Amino acid sequence: QVQLVESGGGLVQPGGSLRLSCAASGSRFSINAMGWYRQSPGKQRELVATITSDGSTNYADSVKGRFTISRDNAKSTMYLQMSSLKPEDTAVYYCNAVQSSGYEYWGQGTQVTVSS
């Protein structure tokens, strides 16, 4: 079992920055890839960024150059640094972790609202 807890969401003005964190506990040493997803009202959940255990990253085209995903394996924590935020980035952001077995876990989500 893996438990994921996100934090760092909030209200920010367009052009601003936020950093999200996802702390993993439980069987965290079995985690392979981790990622951030987001979901806006009326839309399907979409990939934002992923990072593997060796640090390889992947980003959605919509956030490339603005968001940076990272992870601190010693702290079992993943981060998403978001800059140049736009109103269309408004969503609930979810942390995801995939074990080496292929089983995946989700956090409860944290709201990010970009508005003036």
N, C-alpha and C. Protein backbone atom coordinates (compact mmCIF):
# COMPACT_ATOMS: atom_id res chain seq x y z
N GLN A 1 0.83 -1.20 0.00
CA GLN A 1 0.00 0.00 0.00
C GLN A 1 0.86 1.25 0.00
N VAL A 2 0.44 2.22 -0.77
CA VAL A 2 1.13 3.51 -0.83
C VAL A 2 0.09 4.60 -0.56
N GLN A 3 0.43 5.53 0.29
CA GLN A 3 -0.43 6.68 0.53
C GLN A 3 0.25 7.93 -0.04
N LEU A 4 -0.54 8.74 -0.71
CA LEU A 4 -0.02 9.96 -1.34
C LEU A 4 -0.80 11.15 -0.81
N VAL A 5 -0.08 12.18 -0.40
CA VAL A 5 -0.72 13.39 0.12
C VAL A 5 -0.15 14.60 -0.61
N GLU A 6 -1.03 15.31 -1.32
CA GLU A 6 -0.61 16.52 -2.03
C GLU A 6 -0.77 17.74 -1.13
N SER A 7 0.02 18.75 -1.43
CA SER A 7 -0.10 20.05 -0.76
C SER A 7 0.46 21.12 -1.67
N GLY A 8 0.14 22.37 -1.34
CA GLY A 8 0.71 23.49 -2.07
C GLY A 8 -0.22 24.20 -3.02
N GLY A 9 -1.44 23.69 -3.17
CA GLY A 9 -2.38 24.35 -4.07
C GLY A 9 -2.87 25.66 -3.48
N GLY A 10 -3.59 26.41 -4.30
CA GLY A 10 -4.12 27.68 -3.83
C GLY A 10 -4.54 28.58 -4.96
N LEU A 11 -4.76 29.84 -4.62
CA LEU A 11 -5.16 30.86 -5.58
C LEU A 11 -3.95 31.70 -5.95
N VAL A 12 -3.74 31.89 -7.24
CA VAL A 12 -2.61 32.67 -7.72
C VAL A 12 -3.05 33.49 -8.92
N GLN A 13 -2.45 34.64 -9.10
CA GLN A 13 -2.77 35.49 -10.25
C GLN A 13 -2.10 34.97 -11.51
N PRO A 14 -2.67 35.26 -12.66
CA PRO A 14 -2.01 34.88 -13.91
C PRO A 14 -0.58 35.40 -13.96
N GLY A 15 0.32 34.54 -14.42
CA GLY A 15 1.73 34.88 -14.45
C GLY A 15 2.48 34.51 -13.20
N GLY A 16 1.75 34.10 -12.18
CA GLY A 16 2.38 33.75 -10.90
C GLY A 16 2.91 32.32 -10.88
N SER A 17 3.40 31.94 -9.70
CA SER A 17 4.01 30.62 -9.52
C SER A 17 3.45 29.92 -8.30
N LEU A 18 3.49 28.60 -8.34
CA LEU A 18 3.13 27.76 -7.20
C LEU A 18 4.00 26.51 -7.26
N ARG A 19 4.23 25.92 -6.10
CA ARG A 19 4.92 24.64 -6.05
C ARG A 19 4.04 23.63 -5.32
N LEU A 20 3.73 22.56 -6.01
CA LEU A 20 2.98 21.46 -5.41
C LEU A 20 3.94 20.40 -4.89
N SER A 21 3.53 19.76 -3.81
CA SER A 21 4.31 18.65 -3.25
C SER A 21 3.42 17.43 -3.11
N CYS A 22 4.03 16.27 -3.23
CA CYS A 22 3.33 15.00 -3.04
C CYS A 22 4.22 14.11 -2.18
N ALA A 23 3.77 13.85 -0.97
CA ALA A 23 4.54 13.02 -0.05
C ALA A 23 3.99 11.60 -0.08
N ALA A 24 4.88 10.65 -0.28
CA ALA A 24 4.50 9.24 -0.32
C ALA A 24 4.88 8.55 0.98
N SER A 25 4.02 7.66 1.43
CA SER A 25 4.31 6.86 2.62
C SER A 25 3.80 5.44 2.37
N GLY A 26 4.16 4.55 3.27
CA GLY A 26 3.79 3.16 3.08
C GLY A 26 4.87 2.44 2.30
N SER A 27 4.48 1.64 1.33
CA SER A 27 5.44 0.85 0.55
C SER A 27 6.07 1.70 -0.55
N ARG A 28 6.64 2.84 -0.13
CA ARG A 28 7.12 3.81 -1.10
C ARG A 28 8.36 3.33 -1.85
N PHE A 29 9.10 2.37 -1.31
CA PHE A 29 10.32 1.93 -1.97
C PHE A 29 10.01 1.09 -3.20
N SER A 30 8.74 0.68 -3.34
CA SER A 30 8.36 -0.10 -4.51
C SER A 30 7.89 0.79 -5.65
N ILE A 31 7.88 2.11 -5.43
CA ILE A 31 7.40 3.04 -6.45
C ILE A 31 8.41 3.17 -7.58
N ASN A 32 7.90 3.10 -8.79
CA ASN A 32 8.74 3.29 -9.97
C ASN A 32 8.49 4.70 -10.50
N ALA A 33 7.48 4.88 -11.29
CA ALA A 33 7.20 6.20 -11.85
C ALA A 33 6.19 6.95 -10.99
N MET A 34 6.31 8.27 -11.03
CA MET A 34 5.33 9.15 -10.37
C MET A 34 4.93 10.23 -11.36
N GLY A 35 3.80 10.84 -11.08
CA GLY A 35 3.36 11.87 -12.01
C GLY A 35 2.30 12.78 -11.43
N TRP A 36 2.06 13.86 -12.14
CA TRP A 36 1.00 14.80 -11.81
C TRP A 36 -0.03 14.78 -12.94
N TYR A 37 -1.28 14.76 -12.55
CA TYR A 37 -2.40 14.84 -13.48
C TYR A 37 -3.30 15.96 -13.00
N ARG A 38 -4.17 16.44 -13.87
CA ARG A 38 -5.11 17.47 -13.46
C ARG A 38 -6.46 17.26 -14.12
N GLN A 39 -7.47 17.80 -13.46
CA GLN A 39 -8.82 17.68 -13.99
C GLN A 39 -9.59 18.97 -13.73
N SER A 40 -10.13 19.52 -14.80
CA SER A 40 -10.96 20.71 -14.71
C SER A 40 -12.42 20.29 -14.80
N PRO A 41 -13.34 21.11 -14.29
CA PRO A 41 -14.77 20.76 -14.35
C PRO A 41 -15.21 20.47 -15.78
N GLY A 42 -15.87 19.35 -15.96
CA GLY A 42 -16.39 18.99 -17.27
C GLY A 42 -15.38 18.38 -18.21
N LYS A 43 -14.15 18.22 -17.74
CA LYS A 43 -13.10 17.65 -18.59
C LYS A 43 -12.55 16.37 -17.98
N GLN A 44 -11.93 15.57 -18.84
CA GLN A 44 -11.30 14.36 -18.36
C GLN A 44 -9.97 14.68 -17.68
N ARG A 45 -9.57 13.80 -16.78
CA ARG A 45 -8.27 13.95 -16.14
C ARG A 45 -7.18 13.83 -17.21
N GLU A 46 -6.20 14.72 -17.15
CA GLU A 46 -5.14 14.72 -18.16
C GLU A 46 -3.76 14.70 -17.52
N LEU A 47 -2.82 14.15 -18.25
CA LEU A 47 -1.44 14.10 -17.81
C LEU A 47 -0.83 15.49 -17.82
N VAL A 48 -0.11 15.82 -16.76
CA VAL A 48 0.66 17.05 -16.71
C VAL A 48 2.15 16.74 -16.90
N ALA A 49 2.68 15.85 -16.07
CA ALA A 49 4.09 15.51 -16.14
C ALA A 49 4.33 14.22 -15.39
N THR A 50 5.36 13.48 -15.82
CA THR A 50 5.76 12.26 -15.14
C THR A 50 7.26 12.24 -14.92
N ILE A 51 7.68 11.46 -13.95
CA ILE A 51 9.10 11.31 -13.67
C ILE A 51 9.34 9.88 -13.20
N THR A 52 10.38 9.25 -13.76
CA THR A 52 10.70 7.89 -13.38
C THR A 52 11.69 7.88 -12.21
N SER A 53 11.98 6.69 -11.71
CA SER A 53 12.88 6.58 -10.57
C SER A 53 14.30 7.04 -10.91
N ASP A 54 14.66 6.98 -12.19
CA ASP A 54 16.01 7.44 -12.58
C ASP A 54 16.02 8.89 -13.03
N GLY A 55 14.86 9.57 -12.88
CA GLY A 55 14.82 10.99 -13.16
C GLY A 55 14.38 11.39 -14.55
N SER A 56 14.01 10.45 -15.39
CA SER A 56 13.54 10.80 -16.72
C SER A 56 12.17 11.46 -16.61
N THR A 57 11.98 12.54 -17.36
CA THR A 57 10.74 13.31 -17.26
C THR A 57 10.00 13.38 -18.59
N ASN A 58 8.71 13.64 -18.46
CA ASN A 58 7.85 13.80 -19.64
C ASN A 58 6.80 14.85 -19.29
N TYR A 59 6.51 15.74 -20.23
CA TYR A 59 5.56 16.82 -19.98
C TYR A 59 4.49 16.90 -21.05
N ALA A 60 3.32 17.34 -20.65
CA ALA A 60 2.29 17.68 -21.63
C ALA A 60 2.76 18.91 -22.39
N ASP A 61 2.40 18.99 -23.66
CA ASP A 61 2.83 20.13 -24.47
C ASP A 61 2.37 21.46 -23.86
N SER A 62 1.22 21.43 -23.23
CA SER A 62 0.64 22.67 -22.71
C SER A 62 1.42 23.26 -21.53
N VAL A 63 2.29 22.47 -20.91
CA VAL A 63 3.03 22.98 -19.75
C VAL A 63 4.54 23.00 -19.97
N LYS A 64 4.99 22.52 -21.10
CA LYS A 64 6.44 22.51 -21.37
C LYS A 64 7.01 23.92 -21.30
N GLY A 65 8.14 24.02 -20.61
CA GLY A 65 8.79 25.32 -20.48
C GLY A 65 8.25 26.15 -19.33
N ARG A 66 7.13 25.73 -18.75
CA ARG A 66 6.55 26.48 -17.63
C ARG A 66 6.55 25.68 -16.33
N PHE A 67 6.39 24.37 -16.42
CA PHE A 67 6.32 23.50 -15.24
C PHE A 67 7.58 22.64 -15.20
N THR A 68 8.00 22.32 -13.98
CA THR A 68 9.13 21.43 -13.77
C THR A 68 8.78 20.40 -12.72
N ILE A 69 8.91 19.13 -13.08
CA ILE A 69 8.65 18.04 -12.14
C ILE A 69 9.98 17.55 -11.58
N SER A 70 9.99 17.20 -10.31
CA SER A 70 11.20 16.67 -9.69
C SER A 70 10.79 15.75 -8.55
N ARG A 71 11.74 14.97 -8.07
CA ARG A 71 11.46 14.10 -6.94
C ARG A 71 12.69 13.96 -6.07
N ASP A 72 12.46 13.87 -4.80
CA ASP A 72 13.51 13.64 -3.82
C ASP A 72 13.27 12.25 -3.26
N ASN A 73 14.02 11.28 -3.76
CA ASN A 73 13.79 9.90 -3.35
C ASN A 73 14.07 9.69 -1.87
N ALA A 74 15.01 10.44 -1.33
CA ALA A 74 15.35 10.29 0.10
C ALA A 74 14.18 10.72 0.98
N LYS A 75 13.43 11.71 0.50
CA LYS A 75 12.28 12.21 1.26
C LYS A 75 10.97 11.61 0.78
N SER A 76 11.05 10.77 -0.25
CA SER A 76 9.84 10.16 -0.84
C SER A 76 8.82 11.22 -1.20
N THR A 77 9.31 12.29 -1.80
CA THR A 77 8.46 13.42 -2.14
C THR A 77 8.69 13.83 -3.59
N MET A 78 7.60 14.18 -4.25
CA MET A 78 7.65 14.66 -5.62
C MET A 78 7.13 16.09 -5.63
N TYR A 79 7.65 16.88 -6.54
CA TYR A 79 7.28 18.29 -6.62
C TYR A 79 6.84 18.66 -8.04
N LEU A 80 6.07 19.70 -8.13
CA LEU A 80 5.73 20.30 -9.41
C LEU A 80 5.85 21.80 -9.26
N GLN A 81 6.90 22.36 -9.83
CA GLN A 81 7.09 23.80 -9.82
C GLN A 81 6.37 24.37 -11.02
N MET A 82 5.41 25.23 -10.76
CA MET A 82 4.59 25.80 -11.84
C MET A 82 4.85 27.30 -11.93
N SER A 83 5.21 27.75 -13.10
CA SER A 83 5.49 29.16 -13.32
C SER A 83 4.67 29.66 -14.52
N SER A 84 4.61 30.97 -14.65
CA SER A 84 3.84 31.59 -15.74
C SER A 84 2.46 30.97 -15.86
N LEU A 85 1.80 30.87 -14.73
CA LEU A 85 0.50 30.21 -14.69
C LEU A 85 -0.55 30.97 -15.47
N LYS A 86 -1.44 30.21 -16.09
CA LYS A 86 -2.51 30.76 -16.91
C LYS A 86 -3.85 30.34 -16.34
N PRO A 87 -4.90 31.08 -16.64
CA PRO A 87 -6.24 30.67 -16.16
C PRO A 87 -6.59 29.25 -16.56
N GLU A 88 -6.14 28.82 -17.72
CA GLU A 88 -6.45 27.47 -18.17
C GLU A 88 -5.72 26.38 -17.40
N ASP A 89 -4.79 26.77 -16.52
CA ASP A 89 -4.14 25.81 -15.65
C ASP A 89 -4.99 25.51 -14.41
N THR A 90 -6.08 26.23 -14.25
CA THR A 90 -6.97 26.00 -13.12
C THR A 90 -7.54 24.59 -13.17
N ALA A 91 -7.36 23.84 -12.09
CA ALA A 91 -7.80 22.45 -12.04
C ALA A 91 -7.50 21.88 -10.66
N VAL A 92 -8.02 20.69 -10.44
CA VAL A 92 -7.57 19.89 -9.29
C VAL A 92 -6.39 19.06 -9.77
N TYR A 93 -5.29 19.17 -9.07
CA TYR A 93 -4.07 18.46 -9.44
C TYR A 93 -3.92 17.23 -8.55
N TYR A 94 -3.68 16.10 -9.22
CA TYR A 94 -3.58 14.82 -8.52
C TYR A 94 -2.17 14.24 -8.67
N CYS A 95 -1.70 13.66 -7.59
CA CYS A 95 -0.44 12.95 -7.58
C CYS A 95 -0.71 11.48 -7.90
N ASN A 96 0.16 10.88 -8.69
CA ASN A 96 0.02 9.48 -9.08
C ASN A 96 1.33 8.76 -8.86
N ALA A 97 1.26 7.52 -8.40
CA ALA A 97 2.46 6.70 -8.23
C ALA A 97 2.19 5.31 -8.77
N VAL A 98 3.15 4.78 -9.48
CA VAL A 98 3.02 3.44 -10.06
C VAL A 98 4.10 2.54 -9.47
N GLN A 99 3.66 1.43 -8.89
CA GLN A 99 4.62 0.47 -8.35
C GLN A 99 5.25 -0.36 -9.46
N SER A 100 6.34 -1.00 -9.14
CA SER A 100 7.02 -1.86 -10.11
C SER A 100 6.10 -2.99 -10.57
N SER A 101 5.10 -3.35 -9.74
CA SER A 101 4.13 -4.38 -10.11
C SER A 101 3.12 -3.87 -11.14
N GLY A 102 3.06 -2.55 -11.32
CA GLY A 102 2.10 -1.96 -12.23
C GLY A 102 0.89 -1.36 -11.54
N TYR A 103 0.73 -1.66 -10.26
CA TYR A 103 -0.40 -1.10 -9.52
C TYR A 103 -0.16 0.39 -9.30
N GLU A 104 -1.24 1.17 -9.41
CA GLU A 104 -1.06 2.60 -9.25
C GLU A 104 -1.95 3.17 -8.14
N TYR A 105 -1.49 4.28 -7.59
CA TYR A 105 -2.16 4.95 -6.48
C TYR A 105 -2.37 6.41 -6.84
N TRP A 106 -3.39 7.00 -6.21
CA TRP A 106 -3.72 8.40 -6.42
C TRP A 106 -3.83 9.13 -5.09
N GLY A 107 -3.46 10.40 -5.10
CA GLY A 107 -3.70 11.25 -3.96
C GLY A 107 -5.11 11.80 -4.03
N GLN A 108 -5.45 12.61 -3.03
CA GLN A 108 -6.81 13.14 -2.94
C GLN A 108 -7.01 14.39 -3.78
N GLY A 109 -5.92 14.98 -4.25
CA GLY A 109 -6.01 16.15 -5.11
C GLY A 109 -5.87 17.45 -4.35
N THR A 110 -5.34 18.46 -5.03
CA THR A 110 -5.22 19.79 -4.47
C THR A 110 -5.65 20.81 -5.53
N GLN A 111 -6.45 21.77 -5.11
CA GLN A 111 -7.02 22.74 -6.05
C GLN A 111 -6.01 23.84 -6.37
N VAL A 112 -5.86 24.10 -7.66
CA VAL A 112 -5.07 25.24 -8.13
C VAL A 112 -6.01 26.14 -8.92
N THR A 113 -6.09 27.39 -8.51
CA THR A 113 -6.95 28.36 -9.19
C THR A 113 -6.11 29.54 -9.63
N VAL A 114 -6.14 29.81 -10.93
CA VAL A 114 -5.38 30.93 -11.49
C VAL A 114 -6.40 31.98 -11.94
N SER A 115 -6.41 33.08 -11.23
CA SER A 115 -7.42 34.10 -11.50
C SER A 115 -6.97 35.44 -10.94
N SER A 116 -7.37 36.50 -11.62
CA SER A 116 -7.07 37.84 -11.13
C SER A 116 -8.23 38.36 -10.28
